[in-house]
């Protein structure tokens, strides 16, 4: 059964593309076939870091996401990964409703999963509330607490939205913090996470031995979180 993973959160800068990159690397390392779609027309991370596995999908027409569903139906064993740019939730919602995509997915045994990536700010909580109002109980939901963008989520806990989401069946995972300097070096060199862990040439990746080790440990911890979800 194919699973379409929408990596969202609506707000820019919360780490959606980072989550998409981690999932892409997870699928590669686990030898799980997948195809990525990148909706960011200006600086798409999937196209930049995992170009051999990704295609553009700019949401500028009513049928822009049709290839996502078609790709899932073509190969039930393949995962589909959609990295959503900021402020694309409404075009996605219109596509879901206009074509009754949820019914098509159910008829064909497809699972649609929304990954709601959050930082520790109030905006992310408000956006989660809006998502739950619109989609709660209709799509499978994974909330990603991105500690790379802040590690204190008291606003979320106090809001009651996490409890509300979990009552609707949502899963919650944590993306642990990786030192900013290390992430900047990876991004500067357009390095895949595999290369960041395994490439011994410091000139190519900018990473020393212990930095590569820290990335390896970080990635293993993230993989542990993903394994619990059975993605």
N, C-alpha and C. Protein backbone atom coordinates (compact mmCIF):
# COMPACT_ATOMS: atom_id res chain seq x y z
N UNK A 1 0.85 -1.19 0.00
CA UNK A 1 0.00 0.00 0.00
C UNK A 1 0.88 1.24 0.00
N UNK A 2 0.63 2.15 -0.92
CA UNK A 2 1.42 3.36 -1.01
C UNK A 2 0.98 4.39 0.03
N UNK A 3 1.93 5.22 0.42
CA UNK A 3 1.66 6.27 1.40
C UNK A 3 2.16 7.58 0.83
N UNK A 4 1.28 8.58 0.78
CA UNK A 4 1.68 9.90 0.32
C UNK A 4 1.93 10.77 1.54
N UNK A 5 3.15 11.26 1.65
CA UNK A 5 3.55 12.08 2.80
C UNK A 5 3.61 13.54 2.38
N UNK A 6 2.73 14.36 2.95
CA UNK A 6 2.75 15.81 2.71
C UNK A 6 3.49 16.47 3.88
N UNK A 7 4.61 17.13 3.58
CA UNK A 7 5.40 17.78 4.63
C UNK A 7 5.01 19.24 4.65
N UNK A 8 4.22 19.62 5.68
CA UNK A 8 3.67 20.97 5.74
C UNK A 8 3.89 21.63 7.08
N UNK A 9 3.13 22.67 7.28
CA UNK A 9 3.25 23.49 8.48
C UNK A 9 2.92 24.94 8.17
N UNK A 10 2.79 25.23 6.87
CA UNK A 10 2.32 26.52 6.36
C UNK A 10 3.30 27.66 6.59
N UNK A 11 3.85 27.77 7.78
CA UNK A 11 4.76 28.86 8.12
C UNK A 11 6.15 28.61 7.52
N UNK A 12 6.77 29.66 6.96
CA UNK A 12 8.12 29.53 6.46
C UNK A 12 9.14 29.46 7.59
N UNK A 13 10.21 28.71 7.37
CA UNK A 13 11.32 28.68 8.31
C UNK A 13 11.18 27.74 9.49
N UNK A 14 10.15 26.88 9.49
CA UNK A 14 9.98 25.96 10.63
C UNK A 14 10.73 24.65 10.43
N UNK A 15 11.24 24.41 9.22
CA UNK A 15 12.02 23.19 8.99
C UNK A 15 11.32 22.14 8.17
N UNK A 16 10.34 22.53 7.35
CA UNK A 16 9.64 21.55 6.53
C UNK A 16 10.60 20.82 5.60
N UNK A 17 11.44 21.57 4.92
CA UNK A 17 12.36 20.95 3.96
C UNK A 17 13.39 20.07 4.66
N UNK A 18 13.77 20.44 5.87
CA UNK A 18 14.69 19.58 6.64
C UNK A 18 14.04 18.23 6.90
N UNK A 19 12.78 18.23 7.30
CA UNK A 19 12.06 16.98 7.54
C UNK A 19 11.94 16.18 6.25
N UNK A 20 11.66 16.85 5.14
CA UNK A 20 11.58 16.16 3.85
C UNK A 20 12.91 15.51 3.49
N UNK A 21 14.00 16.22 3.73
CA UNK A 21 15.33 15.66 3.44
C UNK A 21 15.64 14.45 4.31
N UNK A 22 15.28 14.54 5.59
CA UNK A 22 15.52 13.42 6.49
C UNK A 22 14.70 12.20 6.05
N UNK A 23 13.44 12.42 5.70
CA UNK A 23 12.61 11.31 5.23
C UNK A 23 13.18 10.70 3.95
N UNK A 24 13.65 11.55 3.04
CA UNK A 24 14.25 11.05 1.80
C UNK A 24 15.45 10.17 2.11
N UNK A 25 16.32 10.62 3.01
CA UNK A 25 17.50 9.84 3.36
C UNK A 25 17.11 8.54 4.07
N UNK A 26 16.08 8.62 4.90
CA UNK A 26 15.59 7.43 5.60
C UNK A 26 15.11 6.38 4.60
N UNK A 27 14.35 6.81 3.61
CA UNK A 27 13.87 5.87 2.60
C UNK A 27 15.04 5.26 1.82
N UNK A 28 16.02 6.09 1.49
CA UNK A 28 17.18 5.59 0.75
C UNK A 28 17.94 4.56 1.58
N UNK A 29 18.21 4.88 2.83
CA UNK A 29 18.97 3.97 3.69
C UNK A 29 18.20 2.68 3.98
N UNK A 30 16.88 2.79 4.05
CA UNK A 30 16.05 1.60 4.31
C UNK A 30 15.71 0.84 3.03
N UNK A 31 16.22 1.37 1.89
CA UNK A 31 15.96 0.76 0.58
C UNK A 31 14.46 0.68 0.28
N UNK A 32 13.76 1.72 0.66
CA UNK A 32 12.34 1.85 0.37
C UNK A 32 12.18 2.74 -0.86
N UNK A 33 11.58 2.26 -1.93
CA UNK A 33 11.42 3.10 -3.13
C UNK A 33 10.52 4.30 -2.84
N UNK A 34 10.91 5.45 -3.35
CA UNK A 34 10.10 6.64 -3.15
C UNK A 34 10.33 7.62 -4.29
N UNK A 35 9.41 8.55 -4.39
CA UNK A 35 9.51 9.64 -5.36
C UNK A 35 9.14 10.93 -4.64
N UNK A 36 9.96 11.95 -4.81
CA UNK A 36 9.70 13.23 -4.16
C UNK A 36 9.13 14.26 -5.13
N UNK A 37 8.29 15.14 -4.59
CA UNK A 37 7.78 16.29 -5.34
C UNK A 37 8.09 17.54 -4.53
N UNK A 38 8.67 18.52 -5.19
CA UNK A 38 9.10 19.75 -4.51
C UNK A 38 8.26 20.91 -5.03
N UNK A 39 7.52 21.56 -4.12
CA UNK A 39 6.61 22.64 -4.54
C UNK A 39 7.21 24.04 -4.38
N UNK A 40 8.45 24.12 -3.94
CA UNK A 40 9.08 25.43 -3.73
C UNK A 40 9.73 25.88 -5.04
N UNK A 41 9.16 26.90 -5.66
CA UNK A 41 9.63 27.33 -6.97
C UNK A 41 10.96 28.10 -6.91
N UNK A 42 11.37 28.58 -5.72
CA UNK A 42 12.56 29.43 -5.64
C UNK A 42 13.80 28.70 -5.15
N UNK A 43 13.68 27.84 -4.12
CA UNK A 43 14.86 27.14 -3.60
C UNK A 43 14.45 25.79 -3.02
N UNK A 44 13.97 24.93 -3.90
CA UNK A 44 13.49 23.63 -3.47
C UNK A 44 14.60 22.74 -2.92
N UNK A 45 14.44 22.30 -1.69
CA UNK A 45 15.48 21.51 -1.03
C UNK A 45 15.56 20.09 -1.56
N UNK A 46 14.42 19.47 -1.85
CA UNK A 46 14.47 18.11 -2.38
C UNK A 46 15.17 18.08 -3.73
N UNK A 47 14.87 19.05 -4.57
CA UNK A 47 15.52 19.11 -5.88
C UNK A 47 17.01 19.39 -5.74
N UNK A 48 17.37 20.15 -4.73
CA UNK A 48 18.78 20.52 -4.52
C UNK A 48 19.58 19.37 -3.93
N UNK A 49 19.06 18.72 -2.91
CA UNK A 49 19.83 17.71 -2.18
C UNK A 49 19.57 16.28 -2.68
N UNK A 50 18.39 16.04 -3.25
CA UNK A 50 18.02 14.69 -3.67
C UNK A 50 17.39 14.74 -5.06
N UNK A 51 18.08 15.43 -5.96
CA UNK A 51 17.54 15.68 -7.29
C UNK A 51 17.26 14.42 -8.10
N UNK A 52 17.99 13.34 -7.82
CA UNK A 52 17.77 12.09 -8.56
C UNK A 52 16.44 11.43 -8.18
N UNK A 53 15.85 11.88 -7.09
CA UNK A 53 14.63 11.26 -6.59
C UNK A 53 13.42 12.20 -6.63
N UNK A 54 13.59 13.41 -7.16
CA UNK A 54 12.54 14.43 -7.01
C UNK A 54 12.18 15.09 -8.33
N UNK A 55 10.98 15.64 -8.36
CA UNK A 55 10.48 16.40 -9.51
C UNK A 55 9.77 17.64 -9.00
N UNK A 56 9.72 18.71 -9.79
CA UNK A 56 9.00 19.93 -9.35
C UNK A 56 7.50 19.74 -9.44
N UNK A 57 6.77 20.43 -8.54
CA UNK A 57 5.31 20.41 -8.56
C UNK A 57 4.80 21.74 -8.05
N UNK A 58 4.93 22.77 -8.85
CA UNK A 58 4.52 24.12 -8.44
C UNK A 58 3.00 24.21 -8.42
N UNK A 59 2.46 24.68 -7.30
CA UNK A 59 1.00 24.70 -7.14
C UNK A 59 0.41 25.96 -7.77
N UNK A 60 0.37 25.98 -9.08
CA UNK A 60 -0.15 27.16 -9.77
C UNK A 60 -1.38 26.84 -10.63
N UNK A 61 -1.84 25.57 -10.62
CA UNK A 61 -3.02 25.20 -11.38
C UNK A 61 -3.84 24.21 -10.56
N UNK A 62 -5.09 24.01 -10.96
CA UNK A 62 -5.98 23.13 -10.21
C UNK A 62 -5.51 21.68 -10.24
N UNK A 63 -4.73 21.31 -11.29
CA UNK A 63 -4.29 19.93 -11.42
C UNK A 63 -2.81 19.74 -11.12
N UNK A 64 -2.19 20.72 -10.44
CA UNK A 64 -0.75 20.66 -10.22
C UNK A 64 -0.32 19.43 -9.43
N UNK A 65 -1.18 18.95 -8.54
CA UNK A 65 -0.83 17.81 -7.69
C UNK A 65 -1.36 16.48 -8.23
N UNK A 66 -2.01 16.51 -9.39
CA UNK A 66 -2.49 15.25 -9.97
C UNK A 66 -1.37 14.22 -10.15
N UNK A 67 -0.17 14.64 -10.59
CA UNK A 67 0.91 13.64 -10.75
C UNK A 67 1.29 12.94 -9.45
N UNK A 68 1.04 13.59 -8.32
CA UNK A 68 1.33 12.96 -7.02
C UNK A 68 0.46 11.72 -6.84
N UNK A 69 -0.83 11.87 -7.08
CA UNK A 69 -1.75 10.74 -6.95
C UNK A 69 -1.47 9.68 -8.01
N UNK A 70 -1.18 10.12 -9.23
CA UNK A 70 -0.92 9.17 -10.31
C UNK A 70 0.34 8.35 -10.01
N UNK A 71 1.36 8.99 -9.45
CA UNK A 71 2.59 8.27 -9.11
C UNK A 71 2.35 7.25 -8.02
N UNK A 72 1.50 7.58 -7.06
CA UNK A 72 1.18 6.64 -6.00
C UNK A 72 0.42 5.43 -6.53
N UNK A 73 -0.49 5.67 -7.47
CA UNK A 73 -1.29 4.57 -8.02
C UNK A 73 -0.47 3.68 -8.95
N UNK A 74 0.54 4.24 -9.60
CA UNK A 74 1.35 3.47 -10.53
C UNK A 74 2.14 2.37 -9.83
N UNK A 75 2.61 2.65 -8.62
CA UNK A 75 3.45 1.70 -7.90
C UNK A 75 3.06 1.68 -6.42
N UNK A 76 2.24 0.73 -6.01
CA UNK A 76 1.76 0.68 -4.62
C UNK A 76 2.88 0.51 -3.59
N UNK A 77 4.05 0.03 -4.02
CA UNK A 77 5.15 -0.19 -3.08
C UNK A 77 5.99 1.08 -2.86
N UNK A 78 5.73 2.10 -3.64
CA UNK A 78 6.56 3.31 -3.59
C UNK A 78 5.93 4.37 -2.69
N UNK A 79 6.74 4.96 -1.85
CA UNK A 79 6.31 6.09 -1.03
C UNK A 79 6.39 7.37 -1.88
N UNK A 80 5.48 8.28 -1.63
CA UNK A 80 5.48 9.58 -2.29
C UNK A 80 5.72 10.65 -1.23
N UNK A 81 6.67 11.52 -1.48
CA UNK A 81 7.08 12.55 -0.54
C UNK A 81 6.88 13.92 -1.17
N UNK A 82 6.02 14.75 -0.56
CA UNK A 82 5.70 16.06 -1.11
C UNK A 82 6.17 17.13 -0.13
N UNK A 83 7.19 17.88 -0.53
CA UNK A 83 7.70 18.98 0.29
C UNK A 83 6.93 20.24 -0.06
N UNK A 84 6.06 20.68 0.85
CA UNK A 84 5.18 21.82 0.58
C UNK A 84 5.87 23.13 0.96
N UNK A 85 5.85 24.07 0.05
CA UNK A 85 6.37 25.40 0.35
C UNK A 85 5.43 26.10 1.33
N UNK A 86 5.90 27.20 1.91
CA UNK A 86 5.06 27.98 2.82
C UNK A 86 3.83 28.49 2.08
N UNK A 87 2.72 28.58 2.81
CA UNK A 87 1.47 29.13 2.31
C UNK A 87 0.92 28.36 1.10
N UNK A 88 1.01 27.04 1.19
CA UNK A 88 0.42 26.20 0.13
C UNK A 88 -0.70 25.33 0.67
N UNK A 89 -1.07 25.52 1.93
CA UNK A 89 -2.10 24.67 2.52
C UNK A 89 -3.45 24.86 1.84
N UNK A 90 -3.81 26.08 1.50
CA UNK A 90 -5.10 26.32 0.87
C UNK A 90 -5.20 25.74 -0.54
N UNK A 91 -4.16 25.92 -1.39
CA UNK A 91 -4.21 25.23 -2.69
C UNK A 91 -4.31 23.71 -2.55
N UNK A 92 -3.62 23.17 -1.55
CA UNK A 92 -3.71 21.73 -1.31
C UNK A 92 -5.12 21.35 -0.88
N UNK A 93 -5.71 22.14 0.04
CA UNK A 93 -7.06 21.85 0.51
C UNK A 93 -8.05 21.91 -0.65
N UNK A 94 -7.90 22.87 -1.53
CA UNK A 94 -8.80 22.99 -2.69
C UNK A 94 -8.66 21.78 -3.60
N UNK A 95 -7.43 21.31 -3.80
CA UNK A 95 -7.19 20.13 -4.62
C UNK A 95 -7.84 18.91 -3.98
N UNK A 96 -7.69 18.76 -2.68
CA UNK A 96 -8.29 17.63 -1.98
C UNK A 96 -9.81 17.63 -2.11
N UNK A 97 -10.41 18.81 -1.96
CA UNK A 97 -11.87 18.90 -1.96
C UNK A 97 -12.46 18.84 -3.37
N UNK A 98 -11.85 19.56 -4.32
CA UNK A 98 -12.41 19.63 -5.67
C UNK A 98 -12.43 18.27 -6.36
N UNK A 99 -11.44 17.44 -6.06
CA UNK A 99 -11.36 16.12 -6.70
C UNK A 99 -11.75 14.99 -5.75
N UNK A 100 -12.20 15.34 -4.54
CA UNK A 100 -12.52 14.34 -3.52
C UNK A 100 -11.39 13.31 -3.43
N UNK A 101 -10.18 13.84 -3.25
CA UNK A 101 -8.98 13.00 -3.25
C UNK A 101 -9.03 11.96 -2.13
N UNK A 102 -9.63 12.31 -0.99
CA UNK A 102 -9.67 11.37 0.12
C UNK A 102 -10.48 10.13 -0.24
N UNK A 103 -11.55 10.32 -0.99
CA UNK A 103 -12.36 9.17 -1.42
C UNK A 103 -11.58 8.30 -2.41
N UNK A 104 -10.88 8.95 -3.33
CA UNK A 104 -10.07 8.21 -4.30
C UNK A 104 -8.98 7.41 -3.58
N UNK A 105 -8.37 8.05 -2.59
CA UNK A 105 -7.32 7.37 -1.82
C UNK A 105 -7.88 6.15 -1.10
N UNK A 106 -9.04 6.31 -0.49
CA UNK A 106 -9.64 5.19 0.25
C UNK A 106 -10.00 4.05 -0.69
N UNK A 107 -10.55 4.39 -1.84
CA UNK A 107 -10.94 3.36 -2.81
C UNK A 107 -9.74 2.57 -3.31
N UNK A 108 -8.58 3.22 -3.35
CA UNK A 108 -7.39 2.59 -3.92
C UNK A 108 -6.37 2.16 -2.87
N UNK A 109 -6.76 2.20 -1.61
CA UNK A 109 -5.88 1.73 -0.56
C UNK A 109 -4.68 2.61 -0.30
N UNK A 110 -4.80 3.91 -0.57
CA UNK A 110 -3.70 4.84 -0.33
C UNK A 110 -3.87 5.52 1.03
N UNK A 111 -2.77 5.73 1.71
CA UNK A 111 -2.78 6.45 2.98
C UNK A 111 -2.18 7.84 2.76
N UNK A 112 -2.90 8.86 3.17
CA UNK A 112 -2.40 10.24 3.08
C UNK A 112 -1.97 10.69 4.47
N UNK A 113 -0.73 11.09 4.60
CA UNK A 113 -0.19 11.52 5.88
C UNK A 113 0.29 12.96 5.80
N UNK A 114 -0.18 13.77 6.73
CA UNK A 114 0.26 15.16 6.82
C UNK A 114 1.27 15.28 7.97
N UNK A 115 2.46 15.78 7.67
CA UNK A 115 3.49 16.03 8.66
C UNK A 115 3.46 17.52 8.98
N UNK A 116 2.98 17.86 10.16
CA UNK A 116 2.87 19.26 10.56
C UNK A 116 4.11 19.64 11.35
N UNK A 117 5.02 20.35 10.68
CA UNK A 117 6.31 20.71 11.28
C UNK A 117 6.14 22.02 12.06
N UNK A 118 6.62 22.02 13.32
CA UNK A 118 6.39 23.16 14.21
C UNK A 118 7.70 23.63 14.84
N UNK A 119 7.81 24.96 15.00
CA UNK A 119 8.80 25.49 15.91
C UNK A 119 8.12 25.75 17.24
N UNK A 120 8.78 26.46 18.15
CA UNK A 120 8.22 26.61 19.49
C UNK A 120 7.35 27.86 19.66
N UNK A 121 7.10 28.58 18.56
CA UNK A 121 6.36 29.84 18.66
C UNK A 121 4.85 29.68 18.62
N UNK A 122 4.16 30.77 18.95
CA UNK A 122 2.70 30.76 18.96
C UNK A 122 2.12 30.61 17.56
N UNK A 123 2.81 31.16 16.55
CA UNK A 123 2.29 31.04 15.18
C UNK A 123 2.09 29.59 14.78
N UNK A 124 3.05 28.74 15.15
CA UNK A 124 2.94 27.33 14.80
C UNK A 124 1.75 26.68 15.49
N UNK A 125 1.48 27.08 16.72
CA UNK A 125 0.34 26.54 17.44
C UNK A 125 -0.97 26.99 16.78
N UNK A 126 -1.04 28.26 16.41
CA UNK A 126 -2.23 28.78 15.74
C UNK A 126 -2.47 28.05 14.42
N UNK A 127 -1.38 27.77 13.70
CA UNK A 127 -1.51 27.07 12.42
C UNK A 127 -1.95 25.63 12.62
N UNK A 128 -1.48 25.00 13.71
CA UNK A 128 -1.95 23.65 14.02
C UNK A 128 -3.44 23.67 14.33
N UNK A 129 -3.90 24.66 15.08
CA UNK A 129 -5.32 24.78 15.39
C UNK A 129 -6.13 24.91 14.10
N UNK A 130 -5.66 25.74 13.18
CA UNK A 130 -6.37 25.93 11.92
C UNK A 130 -6.41 24.62 11.12
N UNK A 131 -5.29 23.89 11.14
CA UNK A 131 -5.24 22.63 10.40
C UNK A 131 -6.23 21.64 11.00
N UNK A 132 -6.26 21.54 12.31
CA UNK A 132 -7.19 20.62 12.96
C UNK A 132 -8.63 20.99 12.68
N UNK A 133 -8.93 22.30 12.65
CA UNK A 133 -10.28 22.75 12.33
C UNK A 133 -10.69 22.30 10.93
N UNK A 134 -9.73 22.32 10.01
CA UNK A 134 -10.03 22.03 8.61
C UNK A 134 -9.93 20.55 8.27
N UNK A 135 -8.91 19.87 8.82
CA UNK A 135 -8.63 18.50 8.39
C UNK A 135 -8.68 17.46 9.51
N UNK A 136 -8.84 17.88 10.74
CA UNK A 136 -8.74 16.95 11.87
C UNK A 136 -9.60 15.72 11.70
N UNK A 137 -8.98 14.53 11.77
CA UNK A 137 -9.69 13.28 11.62
C UNK A 137 -9.85 12.82 10.18
N UNK A 138 -9.51 13.68 9.22
CA UNK A 138 -9.67 13.32 7.81
C UNK A 138 -8.39 12.75 7.21
N UNK A 139 -7.24 13.27 7.67
CA UNK A 139 -5.94 12.79 7.21
C UNK A 139 -5.15 12.29 8.41
N UNK A 140 -4.29 11.31 8.16
CA UNK A 140 -3.36 10.88 9.19
C UNK A 140 -2.40 12.04 9.49
N UNK A 141 -2.14 12.27 10.77
CA UNK A 141 -1.36 13.44 11.17
C UNK A 141 -0.14 13.03 12.00
N UNK A 142 1.01 13.59 11.63
CA UNK A 142 2.22 13.48 12.44
C UNK A 142 2.68 14.89 12.77
N UNK A 143 2.75 15.21 14.06
CA UNK A 143 3.26 16.51 14.50
C UNK A 143 4.75 16.37 14.77
N UNK A 144 5.54 17.23 14.13
CA UNK A 144 6.99 17.21 14.30
C UNK A 144 7.41 18.42 15.12
N UNK A 145 7.91 18.17 16.33
CA UNK A 145 8.43 19.24 17.17
C UNK A 145 9.90 19.44 16.81
N UNK A 146 10.17 20.50 16.08
CA UNK A 146 11.51 20.71 15.51
C UNK A 146 12.39 21.48 16.49
N UNK A 147 13.20 20.77 17.25
CA UNK A 147 14.08 21.42 18.22
C UNK A 147 15.22 22.17 17.56
N UNK A 148 15.43 21.97 16.27
CA UNK A 148 16.40 22.78 15.54
C UNK A 148 15.94 24.24 15.53
N UNK A 149 14.63 24.47 15.66
CA UNK A 149 14.06 25.82 15.65
C UNK A 149 13.56 26.24 17.04
N UNK A 150 13.98 25.55 18.07
CA UNK A 150 13.55 25.90 19.43
C UNK A 150 13.15 24.66 20.19
N UNK A 151 13.56 24.56 21.46
CA UNK A 151 13.34 23.31 22.19
C UNK A 151 12.37 23.42 23.35
N UNK A 152 11.62 24.51 23.44
CA UNK A 152 10.65 24.66 24.52
C UNK A 152 9.26 24.84 23.89
N UNK A 153 8.39 23.88 24.16
CA UNK A 153 7.08 23.84 23.51
C UNK A 153 5.94 24.05 24.51
N UNK A 154 6.19 24.92 25.50
CA UNK A 154 5.18 25.17 26.52
C UNK A 154 3.90 25.78 25.94
N UNK A 155 4.05 26.62 24.92
CA UNK A 155 2.86 27.26 24.32
C UNK A 155 1.96 26.20 23.72
N UNK A 156 2.56 25.23 23.06
CA UNK A 156 1.78 24.14 22.47
C UNK A 156 1.08 23.35 23.56
N UNK A 157 1.81 22.98 24.61
CA UNK A 157 1.22 22.17 25.67
C UNK A 157 0.08 22.91 26.36
N UNK A 158 0.28 24.21 26.60
CA UNK A 158 -0.74 24.99 27.31
C UNK A 158 -1.98 25.23 26.45
N UNK A 159 -1.82 25.20 25.14
CA UNK A 159 -2.93 25.51 24.24
C UNK A 159 -3.99 24.42 24.21
N UNK A 160 -3.60 23.20 24.53
CA UNK A 160 -4.52 22.07 24.43
C UNK A 160 -4.59 21.46 23.04
N UNK A 161 -3.87 22.06 22.07
CA UNK A 161 -3.97 21.57 20.70
C UNK A 161 -3.25 20.24 20.50
N UNK A 162 -2.17 20.03 21.25
CA UNK A 162 -1.52 18.72 21.15
C UNK A 162 -2.45 17.62 21.65
N UNK A 163 -3.08 17.85 22.79
CA UNK A 163 -4.01 16.85 23.33
C UNK A 163 -5.18 16.63 22.37
N UNK A 164 -5.66 17.71 21.78
CA UNK A 164 -6.75 17.60 20.80
C UNK A 164 -6.32 16.76 19.60
N UNK A 165 -5.10 17.02 19.10
CA UNK A 165 -4.60 16.28 17.95
C UNK A 165 -4.43 14.80 18.28
N UNK A 166 -3.88 14.51 19.46
CA UNK A 166 -3.65 13.12 19.84
C UNK A 166 -4.98 12.38 20.04
N UNK A 167 -5.99 13.10 20.51
CA UNK A 167 -7.31 12.49 20.66
C UNK A 167 -7.90 12.10 19.30
N UNK A 168 -7.45 12.79 18.25
CA UNK A 168 -7.89 12.48 16.89
C UNK A 168 -6.98 11.47 16.22
N UNK A 169 -6.01 10.94 16.97
CA UNK A 169 -5.16 9.88 16.43
C UNK A 169 -3.79 10.32 15.96
N UNK A 170 -3.42 11.57 16.21
CA UNK A 170 -2.14 12.08 15.73
C UNK A 170 -0.97 11.45 16.49
N UNK A 171 0.15 11.32 15.80
CA UNK A 171 1.41 10.94 16.43
C UNK A 171 2.27 12.20 16.59
N UNK A 172 3.14 12.17 17.59
CA UNK A 172 4.03 13.31 17.85
C UNK A 172 5.45 12.79 17.93
N UNK A 173 6.36 13.39 17.14
CA UNK A 173 7.76 13.03 17.22
C UNK A 173 8.59 14.29 17.42
N UNK A 174 9.82 14.10 17.87
CA UNK A 174 10.73 15.22 18.11
C UNK A 174 11.92 15.11 17.18
N UNK A 175 12.22 16.21 16.50
CA UNK A 175 13.43 16.31 15.68
C UNK A 175 14.48 17.01 16.54
N UNK A 176 15.43 16.23 17.03
CA UNK A 176 16.41 16.75 17.98
C UNK A 176 17.28 17.83 17.36
N UNK A 177 17.90 18.61 18.24
CA UNK A 177 18.74 19.71 17.78
C UNK A 177 20.06 19.20 17.24
N UNK A 178 20.48 19.76 16.12
CA UNK A 178 21.81 19.56 15.56
C UNK A 178 22.49 20.92 15.55
N UNK A 179 23.76 21.01 16.00
CA UNK A 179 24.42 22.33 16.07
C UNK A 179 24.27 23.13 14.78
N UNK A 180 23.96 24.40 14.94
CA UNK A 180 23.72 25.27 13.78
C UNK A 180 24.91 25.29 12.83
N UNK A 181 26.12 25.33 13.37
CA UNK A 181 27.31 25.39 12.50
C UNK A 181 27.42 24.15 11.63
N UNK A 182 27.08 22.99 12.20
CA UNK A 182 27.13 21.75 11.43
C UNK A 182 26.09 21.76 10.33
N UNK A 183 24.86 22.16 10.65
CA UNK A 183 23.80 22.21 9.64
C UNK A 183 24.15 23.21 8.54
N UNK A 184 24.74 24.33 8.92
CA UNK A 184 25.12 25.34 7.93
C UNK A 184 26.17 24.80 6.96
N UNK A 185 27.12 24.02 7.47
CA UNK A 185 28.13 23.43 6.60
C UNK A 185 27.50 22.43 5.62
N UNK A 186 26.57 21.64 6.11
CA UNK A 186 25.89 20.68 5.25
C UNK A 186 25.13 21.41 4.14
N UNK A 187 24.43 22.46 4.53
CA UNK A 187 23.64 23.22 3.55
C UNK A 187 24.54 23.97 2.58
N UNK A 188 25.63 24.53 3.09
CA UNK A 188 26.53 25.30 2.23
C UNK A 188 27.10 24.45 1.10
N UNK A 189 27.39 23.18 1.41
CA UNK A 189 27.97 22.29 0.41
C UNK A 189 26.92 21.51 -0.38
N UNK A 190 25.64 21.76 -0.09
CA UNK A 190 24.56 21.00 -0.72
C UNK A 190 24.79 19.50 -0.56
N UNK A 191 25.14 19.11 0.65
CA UNK A 191 25.52 17.74 0.95
C UNK A 191 24.31 16.92 1.40
N UNK A 192 24.18 15.73 0.88
CA UNK A 192 23.15 14.82 1.40
C UNK A 192 23.57 14.37 2.79
N UNK A 193 22.61 13.88 3.57
CA UNK A 193 22.97 13.40 4.90
C UNK A 193 23.86 12.17 4.83
N UNK A 194 23.70 11.35 3.77
CA UNK A 194 24.61 10.21 3.60
C UNK A 194 26.04 10.69 3.46
N UNK A 195 26.26 11.70 2.59
CA UNK A 195 27.61 12.22 2.39
C UNK A 195 28.13 12.88 3.66
N UNK A 196 27.25 13.56 4.40
CA UNK A 196 27.68 14.22 5.64
C UNK A 196 28.19 13.21 6.66
N UNK A 197 27.64 12.02 6.64
CA UNK A 197 28.05 10.98 7.59
C UNK A 197 29.24 10.18 7.07
N UNK A 198 29.28 9.91 5.77
CA UNK A 198 30.22 8.92 5.24
C UNK A 198 31.38 9.47 4.43
N UNK A 199 31.28 10.68 3.94
CA UNK A 199 32.34 11.20 3.07
C UNK A 199 33.52 11.64 3.92
N UNK A 200 34.71 11.05 3.72
CA UNK A 200 35.85 11.38 4.58
C UNK A 200 36.58 12.65 4.18
N UNK A 201 36.27 13.20 3.01
CA UNK A 201 37.01 14.37 2.51
C UNK A 201 36.44 15.65 3.10
N UNK A 202 37.15 16.25 4.03
CA UNK A 202 36.68 17.46 4.68
C UNK A 202 36.50 18.61 3.68
N UNK A 203 37.33 18.62 2.66
CA UNK A 203 37.23 19.67 1.65
C UNK A 203 35.90 19.60 0.90
N UNK A 204 35.35 18.39 0.78
CA UNK A 204 34.11 18.20 0.03
C UNK A 204 32.88 18.54 0.87
N UNK A 205 32.92 18.22 2.16
CA UNK A 205 31.74 18.40 3.00
C UNK A 205 31.89 19.52 4.03
N UNK A 206 33.13 19.90 4.34
CA UNK A 206 33.36 20.90 5.38
C UNK A 206 33.28 20.34 6.78
N UNK A 207 33.09 19.02 6.92
CA UNK A 207 32.88 18.40 8.22
C UNK A 207 34.09 17.59 8.65
N UNK A 208 34.49 17.77 9.91
CA UNK A 208 35.55 16.96 10.47
C UNK A 208 35.02 15.65 11.00
N UNK A 209 35.92 14.83 11.53
CA UNK A 209 35.56 13.49 12.00
C UNK A 209 34.46 13.52 13.05
N UNK A 210 34.61 14.35 14.08
CA UNK A 210 33.62 14.37 15.15
C UNK A 210 32.32 15.03 14.70
N UNK A 211 32.40 15.98 13.78
CA UNK A 211 31.16 16.55 13.24
C UNK A 211 30.38 15.48 12.47
N UNK A 212 31.08 14.68 11.69
CA UNK A 212 30.39 13.58 10.98
C UNK A 212 29.77 12.61 11.97
N UNK A 213 30.47 12.36 13.07
CA UNK A 213 29.94 11.48 14.09
C UNK A 213 28.69 12.05 14.73
N UNK A 214 28.67 13.37 14.97
CA UNK A 214 27.49 14.00 15.56
C UNK A 214 26.29 13.90 14.62
N UNK A 215 26.55 14.09 13.33
CA UNK A 215 25.47 13.95 12.35
C UNK A 215 24.96 12.51 12.34
N UNK A 216 25.86 11.56 12.43
CA UNK A 216 25.47 10.14 12.44
C UNK A 216 24.59 9.84 13.64
N UNK A 217 25.00 10.30 14.83
CA UNK A 217 24.21 10.05 16.04
C UNK A 217 22.84 10.73 15.93
N UNK A 218 22.84 11.98 15.46
CA UNK A 218 21.58 12.73 15.28
C UNK A 218 20.65 12.00 14.33
N UNK A 219 21.21 11.53 13.21
CA UNK A 219 20.38 10.86 12.21
C UNK A 219 19.83 9.54 12.76
N UNK A 220 20.64 8.81 13.51
CA UNK A 220 20.16 7.56 14.10
C UNK A 220 19.00 7.80 15.06
N UNK A 221 19.08 8.89 15.82
CA UNK A 221 17.99 9.21 16.75
C UNK A 221 16.72 9.58 16.00
N UNK A 222 16.88 10.34 14.93
CA UNK A 222 15.71 10.69 14.11
C UNK A 222 15.11 9.43 13.48
N UNK A 223 15.97 8.55 12.98
CA UNK A 223 15.49 7.30 12.38
C UNK A 223 14.71 6.47 13.40
N UNK A 224 15.16 6.50 14.65
CA UNK A 224 14.43 5.79 15.70
C UNK A 224 13.01 6.31 15.85
N UNK A 225 12.86 7.64 15.77
CA UNK A 225 11.53 8.24 15.84
C UNK A 225 10.68 7.80 14.63
N UNK A 226 11.28 7.80 13.45
CA UNK A 226 10.55 7.45 12.25
C UNK A 226 10.14 5.97 12.25
N UNK A 227 11.03 5.13 12.78
CA UNK A 227 10.73 3.71 12.81
C UNK A 227 9.49 3.40 13.65
N UNK A 228 9.28 4.18 14.70
CA UNK A 228 8.11 3.99 15.54
C UNK A 228 6.80 4.24 14.78
N UNK A 229 6.90 5.09 13.75
CA UNK A 229 5.70 5.44 12.98
C UNK A 229 5.40 4.43 11.88
N UNK A 230 6.38 3.62 11.52
CA UNK A 230 6.17 2.64 10.45
C UNK A 230 5.96 3.29 9.11
N UNK A 231 6.74 4.33 8.82
CA UNK A 231 6.57 5.03 7.56
C UNK A 231 7.05 4.21 6.36
